[in-house]
PDB file of N, CA and C in Angstrom:
ATOM      1  N   MET A   1      20.478 -22.010  13.245  1.00  0.00           N
ATOM      2  CA  MET A   1      19.143 -20.904  12.854  1.00  0.00           C
ATOM      3  C   MET A   1      19.759 -20.038  11.854  1.00  0.00           C
ATOM      4  N   ARG A   2      19.553 -19.562  11.282  1.00  0.00           N
ATOM      5  CA  ARG A   2      20.388 -18.915  10.189  1.00  0.00           C
ATOM      6  C   ARG A   2      20.257 -17.281  10.636  1.00  0.00           C
ATOM      7  N   ARG A   3      21.313 -16.554  10.917  1.00  0.00           N
ATOM      8  CA  ARG A   3      21.459 -15.241  11.160  1.00  0.00           C
ATOM      9  C   ARG A   3      21.277 -14.363   9.872  1.00  0.00           C
ATOM     10  N   ILE A   4      20.031 -13.218  10.211  1.00  0.00           N
ATOM     11  CA  ILE A   4      19.602 -12.388   9.293  1.00  0.00           C
ATOM     12  C   ILE A   4      19.964 -10.822   9.898  1.00  0.00           C
ATOM     13  N   VAL A   5      20.914 -10.293   8.624  1.00  0.00           N
ATOM     14  CA  VAL A   5      21.707  -8.961   8.944  1.00  0.00           C
ATOM     15  C   VAL A   5      20.271  -8.079   8.312  1.00  0.00           C
ATOM     16  N   MET A   6      19.777  -7.504   9.427  1.00  0.00           N
ATOM     17  CA  MET A   6      18.859  -6.109   8.516  1.00  0.00           C
ATOM     18  C   MET A   6      19.334  -4.805   9.194  1.00  0.00           C
ATOM     19  N   LYS A   7      18.785  -4.094   8.437  1.00  0.00           N
ATOM     20  CA  LYS A   7      18.992  -2.579   8.502  1.00  0.00           C
ATOM     21  C   LYS A   7      17.935  -1.916   9.329  1.00  0.00           C
ATOM     22  N   VAL A   8      17.742  -2.170  10.680  1.00  0.00           N
ATOM     23  CA  VAL A   8      16.566  -1.564  11.443  1.00  0.00           C
ATOM     24  C   VAL A   8      17.229  -0.966  12.762  1.00  0.00           C
ATOM     25  N   SER A   9      16.073  -0.439  13.505  1.00  0.00           N
ATOM     26  CA  SER A   9      16.827  -0.048  14.721  1.00  0.00           C
ATOM     27  C   SER A   9      16.786  -1.349  15.297  1.00  0.00           C
ATOM     28  N   SER A  10      17.799  -0.890  16.788  1.00  0.00           N
ATOM     29  CA  SER A  10      17.875  -2.110  17.344  1.00  0.00           C
ATOM     30  C   SER A  10      16.415  -2.437  18.153  1.00  0.00           C
ATOM     31  N   ILE A  11      15.723  -1.703  18.548  1.00  0.00           N
ATOM     32  CA  ILE A  11      14.294  -1.802  19.126  1.00  0.00           C
ATOM     33  C   ILE A  11      13.672  -2.982  18.165  1.00  0.00           C
ATOM     34  N   ASP A  12      13.424  -2.555  17.147  1.00  0.00           N
ATOM     35  CA  ASP A  12      12.919  -3.366  15.775  1.00  0.00           C
ATOM     36  C   ASP A  12      13.451  -4.840  15.813  1.00  0.00           C
ATOM     37  N   LYS A  13      14.997  -5.282  16.025  1.00  0.00           N
ATOM     38  CA  LYS A  13      15.366  -6.163  16.135  1.00  0.00           C
ATOM     39  C   LYS A  13      15.102  -7.309  17.384  1.00  0.00           C
ATOM     40  N   LEU A  14      14.867  -6.375  18.666  1.00  0.00           N
ATOM     41  CA  LEU A  14      14.730  -7.106  19.615  1.00  0.00           C
ATOM     42  C   LEU A  14      13.393  -7.610  19.302  1.00  0.00           C
ATOM     43  N   ARG A  15      12.153  -6.566  18.939  1.00  0.00           N
ATOM     44  CA  ARG A  15      10.925  -7.302  18.813  1.00  0.00           C
ATOM     45  C   ARG A  15      10.916  -8.319  17.554  1.00  0.00           C
ATOM     46  N   PHE A  16      11.729  -8.599  16.839  1.00  0.00           N
ATOM     47  CA  PHE A  16      11.769  -9.467  15.853  1.00  0.00           C
ATOM     48  C   PHE A  16      11.939 -10.490  16.810  1.00  0.00           C
ATOM     49  N   GLN A  17      13.440 -10.410  17.793  1.00  0.00           N
ATOM     50  CA  GLN A  17      13.539 -11.773  18.059  1.00  0.00           C
ATOM     51  C   GLN A  17      12.749 -12.014  18.938  1.00  0.00           C
ATOM     52  N   ASN A  18      12.349 -11.634  19.685  1.00  0.00           N
ATOM     53  CA  ASN A  18      10.639 -11.788  20.449  1.00  0.00           C
ATOM     54  C   ASN A  18       9.462 -12.514  19.568  1.00  0.00           C
ATOM     55  N   TYR A  19       9.048 -12.320  18.634  1.00  0.00           N
ATOM     56  CA  TYR A  19       8.678 -12.304  17.761  1.00  0.00           C
ATOM     57  C   TYR A  19       8.821 -14.037  17.648  1.00  0.00           C
ATOM     58  N   MET A  20       9.962 -14.104  17.278  1.00  0.00           N
ATOM     59  CA  MET A  20      10.657 -15.493  16.874  1.00  0.00           C
ATOM     60  C   MET A  20      10.343 -16.449  17.943  1.00  0.00           C
ATOM     61  N   MET A  21      10.920 -15.880  19.671  1.00  0.00           N
ATOM     62  CA  MET A  21      10.767 -16.927  20.549  1.00  0.00           C
ATOM     63  C   MET A  21       9.250 -17.217  20.807  1.00  0.00           C
ATOM     64  N   LEU A  22       8.203 -16.273  20.892  1.00  0.00           N
ATOM     65  CA  LEU A  22       6.733 -16.119  21.081  1.00  0.00           C
ATOM     66  C   LEU A  22       5.997 -17.236  20.144  1.00  0.00           C
ATOM     67  N   ILE A  23       6.986 -17.385  18.350  1.00  0.00           N
ATOM     68  CA  ILE A  23       6.201 -18.313  17.544  1.00  0.00           C
ATOM     69  C   ILE A  23       6.412 -19.954  18.003  1.00  0.00           C
ATOM     70  N   LYS A  24       7.741 -19.838  18.852  1.00  0.00           N
ATOM     71  CA  LYS A  24       7.629 -21.159  19.229  1.00  0.00           C
ATOM     72  C   LYS A  24       7.159 -21.528  20.186  1.00  0.00           C
ATOM     73  N   LYS A  25       6.815 -20.398  21.298  1.00  0.00           N
ATOM     74  CA  LYS A  25       5.977 -20.844  22.195  1.00  0.00           C
ATOM     75  C   LYS A  25       4.198 -20.814  21.950  1.00  0.00           C
ATOM     76  N   ALA A  26       4.023 -20.243  21.141  1.00  0.00           N
ATOM     77  CA  ALA A  26       2.392 -20.184  20.835  1.00  0.00           C
ATOM     78  C   ALA A  26       1.783 -21.589  21.003  1.00  0.00           C
ATOM     79  N   GLU A  27       0.935 -21.777  21.807  1.00  0.00           N
ATOM     80  CA  GLU A  27      -0.026 -22.924  21.678  1.00  0.00           C
ATOM     81  C   GLU A  27      -1.007 -22.932  20.830  1.00  0.00           C
ATOM     82  N   THR A  28      -1.715 -22.033  20.227  1.00  0.00           N
ATOM     83  CA  THR A  28      -2.760 -22.509  18.594  1.00  0.00           C
ATOM     84  C   THR A  28      -1.757 -21.989  17.408  1.00  0.00           C
ATOM     85  N   LYS A  29      -2.631 -22.242  16.290  1.00  0.00           N
ATOM     86  CA  LYS A  29      -1.663 -21.813  14.935  1.00  0.00           C
ATOM     87  C   LYS A  29      -2.116 -20.777  15.084  1.00  0.00           C
ATOM     88  N   ALA A  30      -3.158 -19.863  15.218  1.00  0.00           N
ATOM     89  CA  ALA A  30      -3.629 -18.046  14.839  1.00  0.00           C
ATOM     90  C   ALA A  30      -2.956 -17.638  15.638  1.00  0.00           C
ATOM     91  N   GLU A  31      -2.100 -18.294  17.185  1.00  0.00           N
ATOM     92  CA  GLU A  31      -1.322 -17.294  17.752  1.00  0.00           C
ATOM     93  C   GLU A  31      -0.203 -17.205  17.086  1.00  0.00           C
ATOM     94  N   ALA A  32       0.493 -18.341  16.261  1.00  0.00           N
ATOM     95  CA  ALA A  32       1.672 -18.238  16.021  1.00  0.00           C
ATOM     96  C   ALA A  32       1.738 -17.585  14.220  1.00  0.00           C
ATOM     97  N   ASP A  33       0.459 -17.437  13.762  1.00  0.00           N
ATOM     98  CA  ASP A  33       0.380 -17.035  12.636  1.00  0.00           C
ATOM     99  C   ASP A  33       0.086 -15.242  12.861  1.00  0.00           C
ATOM    100  N   MET A  34      -0.123 -14.649  14.109  1.00  0.00           N
ATOM    101  CA  MET A  34       0.082 -13.597  14.497  1.00  0.00           C
ATOM    102  C   MET A  34       1.499 -13.180  14.392  1.00  0.00           C
ATOM    103  N   TYR A  35       1.954 -13.697  15.153  1.00  0.00           N
ATOM    104  CA  TYR A  35       3.580 -13.239  15.452  1.00  0.00           C
ATOM    105  C   TYR A  35       4.461 -13.255  14.657  1.00  0.00           C
ATOM    106  N   PHE A  36       3.982 -14.402  13.349  1.00  0.00           N
ATOM    107  CA  PHE A  36       4.638 -14.424  11.913  1.00  0.00           C
ATOM    108  C   PHE A  36       4.582 -13.142  10.869  1.00  0.00           C
ATOM    109  N   ARG A  37       3.079 -12.686  11.049  1.00  0.00           N
ATOM    110  CA  ARG A  37       2.726 -11.588  10.273  1.00  0.00           C
ATOM    111  C   ARG A  37       3.297 -10.209  11.085  1.00  0.00           C
ATOM    112  N   LEU A  38       3.659 -10.668  12.434  1.00  0.00           N
ATOM    113  CA  LEU A  38       4.017  -8.974  12.985  1.00  0.00           C
ATOM    114  C   LEU A  38       6.048  -8.881  12.741  1.00  0.00           C
ATOM    115  N   ALA A  39       6.087 -10.208  12.704  1.00  0.00           N
ATOM    116  CA  ALA A  39       7.658 -10.684  12.466  1.00  0.00           C
ATOM    117  C   ALA A  39       8.035  -9.966  11.140  1.00  0.00           C
ATOM    118  N   LYS A  40       6.970 -10.223   9.848  1.00  0.00           N
ATOM    119  CA  LYS A  40       7.468 -10.522   8.351  1.00  0.00           C
ATOM    120  C   LYS A  40       7.295  -8.749   8.386  1.00  0.00           C
ATOM    121  N   GLU A  41       5.981  -8.101   8.776  1.00  0.00           N
ATOM    122  CA  GLU A  41       6.417  -6.436   8.664  1.00  0.00           C
ATOM    123  C   GLU A  41       7.619  -6.024   8.949  1.00  0.00           C
ATOM    124  N   ILE A  42       8.517  -6.531   9.954  1.00  0.00           N
ATOM    125  CA  ILE A  42       9.782  -5.846  10.244  1.00  0.00           C
ATOM    126  C   ILE A  42      10.878  -6.444   9.007  1.00  0.00           C
ATOM    127  N   ILE A  43      10.614  -7.061   8.559  1.00  0.00           N
ATOM    128  CA  ILE A  43      11.453  -7.858   7.694  1.00  0.00           C
ATOM    129  C   ILE A  43      11.271  -6.723   6.355  1.00  0.00           C
ATOM    130  N   LYS A  44      10.197  -6.823   5.799  1.00  0.00           N
ATOM    131  CA  LYS A  44       9.340  -5.636   5.006  1.00  0.00           C
ATOM    132  C   LYS A  44      10.075  -4.230   5.085  1.00  0.00           C
ATOM    133  N   LYS A  45      10.351  -4.026   6.460  1.00  0.00           N
ATOM    134  CA  LYS A  45      10.185  -2.650   6.676  1.00  0.00           C
ATOM    135  C   LYS A  45      12.271  -2.503   6.361  1.00  0.00           C
ATOM    136  N   ALA A  46      12.598  -3.431   7.218  1.00  0.00           N
ATOM    137  CA  ALA A  46      14.230  -3.836   6.638  1.00  0.00           C
ATOM    138  C   ALA A  46      14.493  -4.076   5.274  1.00  0.00           C
ATOM    139  N   GLU A  47      13.477  -3.990   4.160  1.00  0.00           N
ATOM    140  CA  GLU A  47      13.971  -4.805   2.692  1.00  0.00           C
ATOM    141  C   GLU A  47      13.567  -2.905   2.071  1.00  0.00           C
ATOM    142  N   LYS A  48      12.717  -2.219   2.800  1.00  0.00           N
ATOM    143  CA  LYS A  48      12.665  -0.851   2.416  1.00  0.00           C
ATOM    144  C   LYS A  48      14.046   0.002   2.511  1.00  0.00           C
ATOM    145  N   ASN A  49      14.276  -0.177   4.116  1.00  0.00           N
ATOM    146  CA  ASN A  49      15.218   0.594   4.156  1.00  0.00           C
ATOM    147  C   ASN A  49      16.497   0.339   3.202  1.00  0.00           C
ATOM    148  N   ASN A  50      16.824  -0.868   3.021  1.00  0.00           N
ATOM    149  CA  ASN A  50      17.822  -1.790   2.217  1.00  0.00           C
ATOM    150  C   ASN A  50      17.779  -1.108   0.838  1.00  0.00           C
ATOM    151  N   ARG A  51      16.950  -0.902   0.131  1.00  0.00           N
ATOM    152  CA  ARG A  51      16.703  -0.281  -0.889  1.00  0.00           C
ATOM    153  C   ARG A  51      16.669   0.919  -1.012  1.00  0.00           C
ATOM    154  N   SER A  52      16.701   1.808   0.100  1.00  0.00           N
ATOM    155  CA  SER A  52      16.796   3.375  -0.319  1.00  0.00           C
ATOM    156  C   SER A  52      18.342   3.353  -0.281  1.00  0.00           C
ATOM    157  N   LEU A  53      19.007   2.645   0.519  1.00  0.00           N
ATOM    158  CA  LEU A  53      20.686   2.478   0.808  1.00  0.00           C
ATOM    159  C   LEU A  53      21.387   2.143  -0.616  1.00  0.00           C
ATOM    160  N   LEU A  54      20.591   1.554  -1.321  1.00  0.00           N
ATOM    161  CA  LEU A  54      21.264   1.308  -2.917  1.00  0.00           C
ATOM    162  C   LEU A  54      21.479   2.351  -3.604  1.00  0.00           C
TER     163      LEU A  54
END
């Protein structure tokens, strides 16, 4: 699995990891899409933080 370096809080990193595990365990596509959408919000938040550091 590719390692992603994100400049976000440790809580957000744990949430992201949790969403990734839940995507694997999801029983329906709708459930997996929900977790994917939540994980994507954390990635967007990280990108916004990285831009402000530049």
